[in-house]
Amino acid sequence: MDRSIHVKKISTQAKGREIAISDIHGNLINYENLLEKIKYQPHIDRLIIVGDFIEKGPDNLALLRKLMKQSQEEDVHLVMGNCDFTCKNVLYSYRLDFLRYILLMRKNSVLHEMEKEIGFTFHEDIDMSDYCQMIRKHYLKELSFVNDLPHILETPEAIYVHAALQSPNHYGDDFKEVINTSFFLDQNQYYEKKVVVGHMPVSEYSHSIASLNPIYDSKMNVYSIDGGNIVKKEIGQLNAMLIDKGSISFASRRPKCKKLKFYKQHTQRRIFPFLLHGIKEK
């Protein structure tokens, strides 16, 4: 398997806003509701999905197909996340013992939804090579779409990567470094162009009471926007970062049943969470 880092560069400015959303994790309802909330304009706004769009949530296959359609018809672009890599595991029959473990442990997976659609039930004694061949036979189009995604996307506005970059001058040598590195904000290196990441819920950077709002690290010029959607259960939220003619704003979507108080967090790390306009659900 090619382990090099693939970078996609877009040289043109978006016609409208440039919008980033990360870590949807198969939560199709939250995704559609967030697009409605921010008044997303197809063919005008540029939408960037910063990895981990599938796995762990309830509607992985439907979301994948929606994103495939959007990427064909609209100014929509995706980068690969570590959770999305399950599709590559199947496509290349790669690390099959690990894939078996994931599928036995993970109730909600795009692969389980593919199985259900063709009337198959996964079990621990299955021959994993035969299993991968079966999934490839029916879902080669979906698997290939994920396989062909870049690991990094550069636009005139920002650099988008799921987890981390290794340095401003050298993004990395192996794709695992950019899709599965934790605590990127501990790196303490400054990037001239703003960097937008997901991967790790922003609450993991909290030193006191957790906030799930996007944060900006001024010492690095990095925005971390993973709000713990699905991963943080009922309190998680799906965040969007909106760049409009140089101005940056944020929006979020979370379950209506939860009414949480968010606050500014002051630490010595110079990391600032943002209070989101209209974040309280009615």
Protein backbone atom coordinates (compact mmCIF):
# COMPACT_ATOMS: atom_id res chain seq x y z
CA MET A 1 0.00 0.00 0.00
CA ASP A 2 1.17 3.50 -0.86
CA ARG A 3 1.77 5.24 2.49
CA SER A 4 2.80 8.61 1.08
CA ILE A 5 0.83 11.75 1.94
CA HIS A 6 -1.42 13.00 -0.83
CA VAL A 7 -2.04 16.75 -1.02
CA LYS A 8 -4.77 18.37 -3.10
CA LYS A 9 -4.38 22.06 -3.94
CA ILE A 10 -7.20 24.38 -4.99
CA SER A 11 -5.91 27.64 -6.43
CA THR A 12 -9.20 29.48 -6.85
CA GLN A 13 -11.14 31.39 -4.22
CA ALA A 14 -14.59 30.17 -3.25
CA LYS A 15 -17.46 32.05 -4.91
CA GLY A 16 -19.06 32.45 -1.50
CA ARG A 17 -17.99 31.29 1.94
CA GLU A 18 -15.45 28.56 2.66
CA ILE A 19 -17.00 26.24 5.24
CA ALA A 20 -15.23 23.46 7.17
CA ILE A 21 -16.98 20.67 9.08
CA SER A 22 -15.12 17.79 10.72
CA ASP A 23 -15.93 14.48 12.38
CA ILE A 24 -19.51 13.96 11.22
CA HIS A 25 -19.18 10.25 12.10
CA GLY A 26 -22.21 9.12 10.14
CA ASN A 27 -24.56 11.60 11.82
CA LEU A 28 -26.56 12.48 8.72
CA ILE A 29 -29.33 14.31 10.57
CA ASN A 30 -26.93 16.61 12.42
CA TYR A 31 -25.03 17.25 9.19
CA GLU A 32 -28.14 18.23 7.24
CA ASN A 33 -29.46 20.32 10.12
CA LEU A 34 -26.13 22.14 10.44
CA LEU A 35 -26.09 22.92 6.71
CA GLU A 36 -29.60 24.31 7.07
CA LYS A 37 -28.60 26.34 10.13
CA ILE A 38 -25.68 28.03 8.38
CA LYS A 39 -27.78 28.51 5.22
CA TYR A 40 -25.34 26.58 3.06
CA GLN A 41 -25.58 27.61 -0.60
CA PRO A 42 -24.70 24.84 -3.07
CA HIS A 43 -22.62 25.99 -6.07
CA ILE A 44 -21.76 29.22 -4.23
CA ASP A 45 -20.22 28.17 -0.92
CA ARG A 46 -17.21 25.87 -0.79
CA LEU A 47 -17.68 23.04 1.71
CA ILE A 48 -14.73 21.09 3.10
CA ILE A 49 -15.21 17.93 5.15
CA VAL A 50 -12.15 17.52 7.39
CA GLY A 51 -12.17 13.73 7.79
CA ASP A 52 -13.95 11.11 9.91
CA PHE A 53 -17.22 11.57 8.06
CA ILE A 54 -18.12 7.89 8.58
CA GLU A 55 -18.00 5.30 11.39
CA LYS A 56 -19.55 5.26 14.88
CA GLY A 57 -22.79 7.03 13.92
CA PRO A 58 -26.16 5.70 12.72
CA ASP A 59 -26.23 6.61 9.00
CA ASN A 60 -22.75 6.05 7.59
CA LEU A 61 -23.63 4.65 4.18
CA ALA A 62 -26.35 7.21 3.47
CA LEU A 63 -24.00 10.02 4.49
CA LEU A 64 -21.20 8.63 2.34
CA ARG A 65 -23.48 8.53 -0.68
CA LYS A 66 -24.70 12.05 -0.02
CA LEU A 67 -21.12 13.35 0.19
CA MET A 68 -20.21 11.51 -3.00
CA LYS A 69 -23.10 13.21 -4.78
CA GLN A 70 -22.24 16.61 -3.31
CA SER A 71 -18.59 16.30 -4.34
CA GLN A 72 -19.65 15.55 -7.92
CA GLU A 73 -22.21 18.33 -8.23
CA GLU A 74 -21.07 21.09 -5.85
CA ASP A 75 -17.89 22.78 -4.61
CA VAL A 76 -17.49 20.10 -1.94
CA HIS A 77 -14.17 18.50 -1.01
CA LEU A 78 -13.18 15.84 1.52
CA VAL A 79 -9.98 14.79 3.23
CA MET A 80 -9.47 11.38 4.75
CA GLY A 81 -9.65 10.70 8.48
CA ASN A 82 -8.48 7.71 10.46
CA CYS A 83 -12.01 6.32 10.86
CA ASP A 84 -12.61 6.54 7.11
CA PHE A 85 -9.64 4.21 6.66
CA THR A 86 -11.86 1.16 7.27
CA CYS A 87 -12.80 1.41 3.60
CA LYS A 88 -9.15 1.08 2.62
CA ASN A 89 -8.77 -1.89 4.97
CA VAL A 90 -11.43 -3.69 2.94
CA LEU A 91 -10.29 -2.47 -0.46
CA TYR A 92 -6.72 -3.71 0.10
CA SER A 93 -7.46 -6.57 2.53
CA TYR A 94 -5.15 -4.71 4.89
CA ARG A 95 -4.62 -5.53 8.59
CA LEU A 96 -7.49 -7.99 8.61
CA ASP A 97 -7.12 -9.08 12.24
CA PHE A 98 -7.41 -5.46 13.28
CA LEU A 99 -10.41 -4.96 10.99
CA ARG A 100 -12.10 -8.00 12.53
CA TYR A 101 -11.54 -6.53 15.99
CA ILE A 102 -13.00 -3.17 14.94
CA LEU A 103 -16.09 -4.74 13.39
CA LEU A 104 -16.75 -6.93 16.44
CA MET A 105 -16.30 -3.98 18.78
CA ARG A 106 -18.04 -1.26 16.74
CA LYS A 107 -21.80 -1.52 16.47
CA ASN A 108 -22.15 1.33 13.98
CA SER A 109 -19.94 1.01 10.91
CA VAL A 110 -20.37 1.73 7.23
CA LEU A 111 -19.31 -1.87 6.64
CA HIS A 112 -22.08 -3.24 8.85
CA GLU A 113 -24.55 -1.12 6.90
CA MET A 114 -23.19 -2.52 3.64
CA GLU A 115 -23.60 -6.03 5.06
CA LYS A 116 -27.20 -5.33 6.05
CA GLU A 117 -28.02 -3.96 2.62
CA ILE A 118 -26.94 -7.23 0.99
CA GLY A 119 -28.44 -9.46 3.70
CA PHE A 120 -25.25 -10.56 5.45
CA THR A 121 -24.44 -10.71 9.17
CA PHE A 122 -20.86 -10.37 10.37
CA HIS A 123 -19.53 -12.98 12.82
CA GLU A 124 -16.18 -13.53 14.50
CA ASP A 125 -15.35 -16.76 12.64
CA ILE A 126 -15.70 -15.33 9.15
CA ASP A 127 -12.79 -15.60 6.74
CA MET A 128 -11.77 -11.94 6.48
CA SER A 129 -10.33 -12.31 2.97
CA ASP A 130 -13.64 -13.68 1.72
CA TYR A 131 -15.46 -10.93 3.61
CA CYS A 132 -13.42 -8.17 1.95
CA GLN A 133 -13.95 -9.74 -1.46
CA MET A 134 -17.71 -9.79 -0.87
CA ILE A 135 -17.83 -6.13 0.17
CA ARG A 136 -15.63 -5.10 -2.75
CA LYS A 137 -17.93 -6.92 -5.18
CA HIS A 138 -20.95 -4.88 -4.12
CA TYR A 139 -19.43 -1.57 -3.00
CA LEU A 140 -16.35 -0.92 -5.12
CA LYS A 141 -17.63 2.54 -6.08
CA GLU A 142 -18.00 3.67 -2.46
CA LEU A 143 -14.72 2.11 -1.33
CA SER A 144 -12.81 3.63 -4.24
CA PHE A 145 -14.22 7.09 -3.52
CA VAL A 146 -12.82 7.01 0.01
CA ASN A 147 -9.56 5.47 -1.16
CA ASP A 148 -8.94 8.31 -3.62
CA LEU A 149 -9.39 11.13 -1.09
CA PRO A 150 -6.40 13.35 -0.30
CA HIS A 151 -4.91 13.52 3.19
CA ILE A 152 -4.41 17.28 3.02
CA LEU A 153 -6.31 20.00 1.18
CA GLU A 154 -4.85 23.45 0.56
CA THR A 155 -6.93 26.43 -0.55
CA PRO A 156 -5.99 30.12 -0.74
CA GLU A 157 -7.61 30.48 2.71
CA ALA A 158 -6.26 27.56 4.73
CA ILE A 159 -4.70 24.13 5.03
CA TYR A 160 -7.17 21.40 5.97
CA VAL A 161 -5.95 18.14 7.51
CA HIS A 162 -7.75 15.69 9.73
CA ALA A 163 -5.29 15.38 12.62
CA ALA A 164 -1.92 17.10 12.30
CA LEU A 165 1.03 18.31 10.26
CA GLN A 166 4.57 17.44 11.26
CA SER A 167 6.02 20.90 10.61
CA PRO A 168 5.37 24.02 8.51
CA ASN A 169 7.98 22.97 5.96
CA HIS A 170 7.38 19.23 5.94
CA TYR A 171 3.88 17.86 6.35
CA GLY A 172 5.06 14.31 7.02
CA ASP A 173 6.31 11.09 5.44
CA ASP A 174 3.52 8.62 6.25
CA PHE A 175 -0.23 9.19 5.97
CA LYS A 176 -0.72 7.98 9.55
CA GLU A 177 1.12 11.09 10.75
CA VAL A 178 -1.54 13.40 9.33
CA ILE A 179 -4.72 11.35 9.93
CA ASN A 180 -4.05 9.82 13.34
CA THR A 181 -1.78 12.05 15.45
CA SER A 182 -3.25 13.29 18.73
CA PHE A 183 -2.65 16.57 20.57
CA PHE A 184 -1.52 18.54 17.53
CA LEU A 185 -1.77 21.74 19.56
CA ASP A 186 1.11 20.57 21.75
CA GLN A 187 3.47 20.89 18.78
CA ASN A 188 4.23 24.58 19.37
CA GLN A 189 5.19 25.49 15.79
CA TYR A 190 3.74 28.49 13.95
CA TYR A 191 2.06 28.09 10.53
CA GLU A 192 1.90 31.13 8.24
CA LYS A 193 -1.32 29.93 6.63
CA LYS A 194 -4.12 29.00 9.02
CA VAL A 195 -4.51 25.26 9.63
CA VAL A 196 -7.88 23.63 10.35
CA VAL A 197 -8.03 20.21 12.02
CA GLY A 198 -10.51 17.84 13.62
CA HIS A 199 -9.75 14.32 14.92
CA MET A 200 -9.65 15.01 18.64
CA PRO A 201 -12.59 16.58 20.50
CA VAL A 202 -11.55 20.04 21.64
CA SER A 203 -12.63 19.16 25.19
CA GLU A 204 -9.43 17.09 25.44
CA TYR A 205 -7.50 20.37 25.63
CA SER A 206 -9.52 21.63 28.58
CA HIS A 207 -7.79 22.09 31.91
CA SER A 208 -10.96 22.55 33.94
CA ILE A 209 -14.58 22.16 32.84
CA ALA A 210 -14.75 20.95 29.26
CA SER A 211 -15.99 23.04 26.33
CA LEU A 212 -16.85 21.57 22.96
CA ASN A 213 -16.68 24.85 21.04
CA PRO A 214 -13.98 25.35 18.37
CA ILE A 215 -10.69 26.70 19.65
CA TYR A 216 -7.92 28.79 18.15
CA ASP A 217 -4.30 28.39 19.16
CA SER A 218 -2.62 31.71 18.40
CA LYS A 219 0.90 30.39 18.96
CA MET A 220 0.37 27.98 16.04
CA ASN A 221 -2.33 29.66 13.95
CA VAL A 222 -4.38 26.48 14.17
CA TYR A 223 -8.13 26.05 14.49
CA SER A 224 -9.37 22.80 16.09
CA ILE A 225 -13.07 22.23 15.39
CA ASP A 226 -14.01 18.67 16.45
CA GLY A 227 -16.94 19.13 18.84
CA GLY A 228 -17.17 15.50 19.90
CA ASN A 229 -20.21 14.77 17.73
CA ILE A 230 -21.25 11.10 18.33
CA VAL A 231 -18.01 10.38 20.23
CA LYS A 232 -19.08 12.45 23.25
CA LYS A 233 -22.55 10.88 23.18
CA GLU A 234 -25.43 13.23 24.01
CA ILE A 235 -23.27 16.27 24.81
CA GLY A 236 -21.25 16.20 21.59
CA GLN A 237 -21.86 18.81 18.92
CA LEU A 238 -21.10 19.16 15.23
CA ASN A 239 -19.15 22.35 14.56
CA ALA A 240 -18.74 24.41 11.41
CA MET A 241 -16.08 27.02 10.72
CA LEU A 242 -17.09 29.68 8.19
CA ILE A 243 -14.62 31.92 6.35
CA ASP A 244 -16.33 34.81 4.60
CA LYS A 245 -14.10 37.41 2.93
CA GLY A 246 -11.46 36.98 5.63
CA SER A 247 -13.94 37.03 8.51
CA ILE A 248 -14.20 33.84 10.60
CA SER A 249 -17.31 32.68 12.44
CA PHE A 250 -18.63 29.42 13.86
CA ALA A 251 -21.86 27.50 14.24
CA SER A 252 -22.80 24.21 15.83
CA ARG A 253 -25.51 21.60 16.02
CA ARG A 254 -26.18 19.25 18.91
CA PRO A 255 -29.16 17.22 20.26
CA LYS A 256 -32.10 19.41 21.20
CA CYS A 257 -32.63 17.59 24.45
CA LYS A 258 -29.42 18.93 25.94
CA LYS A 259 -29.09 22.51 27.13
CA LEU A 260 -25.51 23.14 28.11
CA LYS A 261 -23.72 26.26 29.25
CA PHE A 262 -20.56 27.17 27.38
CA TYR A 263 -18.01 29.63 28.58
CA LYS A 264 -14.65 31.13 27.81
CA GLN A 265 -11.73 29.15 29.07
CA HIS A 266 -8.54 30.89 30.18
CA THR A 267 -5.32 28.91 30.31
CA GLN A 268 -1.63 29.57 29.86
CA ARG A 269 -1.76 27.79 26.50
CA ARG A 270 -3.20 30.84 24.72
CA ILE A 271 -5.99 28.66 23.36
CA PHE A 272 -9.31 30.45 23.01
CA PRO A 273 -12.67 28.73 22.60
CA PHE A 274 -15.34 30.67 20.79
CA LEU A 275 -18.84 31.45 21.99
CA LEU A 276 -21.09 30.43 19.14
CA HIS A 277 -23.99 32.65 18.10
CA GLY A 278 -27.33 30.92 18.44
CA ILE A 279 -25.87 27.84 20.04
CA LYS A 280 -28.72 27.33 22.49
CA GLU A 281 -31.37 25.02 21.10
CA LYS A 282 -34.96 26.09 21.48
